Amino acid sequence: MNKPLSDKEKLISMLTEIYDQLEDLEVVLEASFSDLRKSLDQEEQDKIRESKQKLFGIQQTLDKVNSISNLELAGEPYNLNWAFNCR
């Protein structure tokens, strides 16, 4: 015969079910946060790469300006339009 579960056994059964659901939720959340971390990391890498490219462009421009200034100090004629278009 099937004996009805006592209140204590029912409670244990319910808690076990809740625990199992929480374990499943943990797995899903971990995967979700892992994907989010990867996405945020990629965004940051893209921003760093973009900033690096901009800084490189600024550095090249400064190098051109400095070379023009050096020519000016040496007394040689220069053309700004030619210098900035020359790469």
Protein backbone atom coordinates (compact mmCIF):
# COMPACT_ATOMS: atom_id res chain seq x y z
CA MET A 1 0.00 0.00 0.00
CA ASN A 2 1.02 3.52 -0.69
CA LYS A 3 1.40 5.31 2.57
CA PRO A 4 0.68 9.06 2.37
CA LEU A 5 3.76 11.18 2.74
CA SER A 6 4.20 12.89 6.04
CA ASP A 7 4.47 16.68 6.16
CA LYS A 8 8.18 16.39 6.76
CA GLU A 9 8.65 14.18 3.68
CA LYS A 10 6.53 16.54 1.58
CA LEU A 11 8.63 19.47 2.72
CA ILE A 12 11.86 17.61 1.95
CA SER A 13 10.52 16.72 -1.48
CA MET A 14 9.57 20.33 -2.20
CA LEU A 15 12.94 21.62 -1.00
CA THR A 16 14.72 19.05 -3.15
CA GLU A 17 12.74 20.20 -6.18
CA ILE A 18 13.58 23.84 -5.41
CA TYR A 19 17.25 22.94 -5.04
CA ASP A 20 17.25 21.17 -8.41
CA GLN A 21 15.61 24.19 -10.04
CA LEU A 22 18.19 26.49 -8.48
CA GLU A 23 21.01 24.32 -9.84
CA ASP A 24 19.48 24.52 -13.32
CA LEU A 25 19.13 28.29 -12.97
CA GLU A 26 22.76 28.55 -11.87
CA VAL A 27 23.92 26.81 -15.04
CA VAL A 28 21.81 29.09 -17.24
CA LEU A 29 22.96 32.23 -15.45
CA GLU A 30 26.59 31.20 -15.61
CA ALA A 31 26.35 30.66 -19.36
CA SER A 32 24.51 33.95 -19.80
CA PHE A 33 27.04 35.92 -17.76
CA SER A 34 29.89 34.21 -19.57
CA ASP A 35 28.47 35.35 -22.92
CA LEU A 36 27.95 38.85 -21.52
CA ARG A 37 31.54 38.98 -20.25
CA LYS A 38 32.82 37.92 -23.67
CA SER A 39 30.66 40.54 -25.37
CA LEU A 40 31.82 43.31 -23.02
CA ASP A 41 35.42 42.23 -23.43
CA GLN A 42 35.08 42.38 -27.22
CA GLU A 43 33.54 45.87 -27.00
CA GLU A 44 36.42 47.06 -24.83
CA GLN A 45 38.98 45.55 -27.20
CA ASP A 46 37.28 47.31 -30.12
CA LYS A 47 37.36 50.64 -28.26
CA ILE A 48 41.03 50.16 -27.42
CA ARG A 49 41.84 49.28 -31.03
CA GLU A 50 39.93 52.34 -32.30
CA SER A 51 41.71 54.61 -29.81
CA LYS A 52 45.06 53.14 -30.77
CA GLN A 53 44.38 53.86 -34.45
CA LYS A 54 43.34 57.44 -33.66
CA LEU A 55 46.46 57.97 -31.55
CA PHE A 56 48.61 56.56 -34.34
CA GLY A 57 47.02 59.03 -36.79
CA ILE A 58 47.62 61.92 -34.38
CA GLN A 59 51.23 60.80 -33.92
CA GLN A 60 51.77 60.75 -37.69
CA THR A 61 50.31 64.25 -37.97
CA LEU A 62 52.54 65.48 -35.15
CA ASP A 63 55.56 63.91 -36.82
CA LYS A 64 54.73 65.81 -40.03
CA VAL A 65 54.25 69.07 -38.13
CA ASN A 66 57.53 68.54 -36.31
CA SER A 67 59.37 67.80 -39.52
CA ILE A 68 57.93 70.99 -41.06
CA SER A 69 59.01 72.95 -37.99
CA ASN A 70 62.48 71.49 -38.29
CA LEU A 71 62.63 72.57 -41.95
CA GLU A 72 61.49 76.05 -40.94
CA LEU A 73 64.21 76.24 -38.29
CA ALA A 74 66.75 75.13 -40.85
CA GLY A 75 65.60 77.99 -43.10
CA GLU A 76 64.29 75.78 -45.88
CA PRO A 77 61.07 76.74 -47.69
CA TYR A 78 58.08 74.49 -47.25
CA ASN A 79 54.51 74.14 -48.43
CA LEU A 80 51.97 73.08 -45.75
CA ASN A 81 49.47 71.72 -48.24
CA TRP A 82 52.14 69.58 -49.86
CA ALA A 83 53.44 68.36 -46.48
CA PHE A 84 50.06 67.27 -45.17
CA ASN A 85 49.07 65.56 -48.41
CA CYS A 86 52.38 63.75 -48.71
CA ARG A 87 52.31 60.35 -47.02
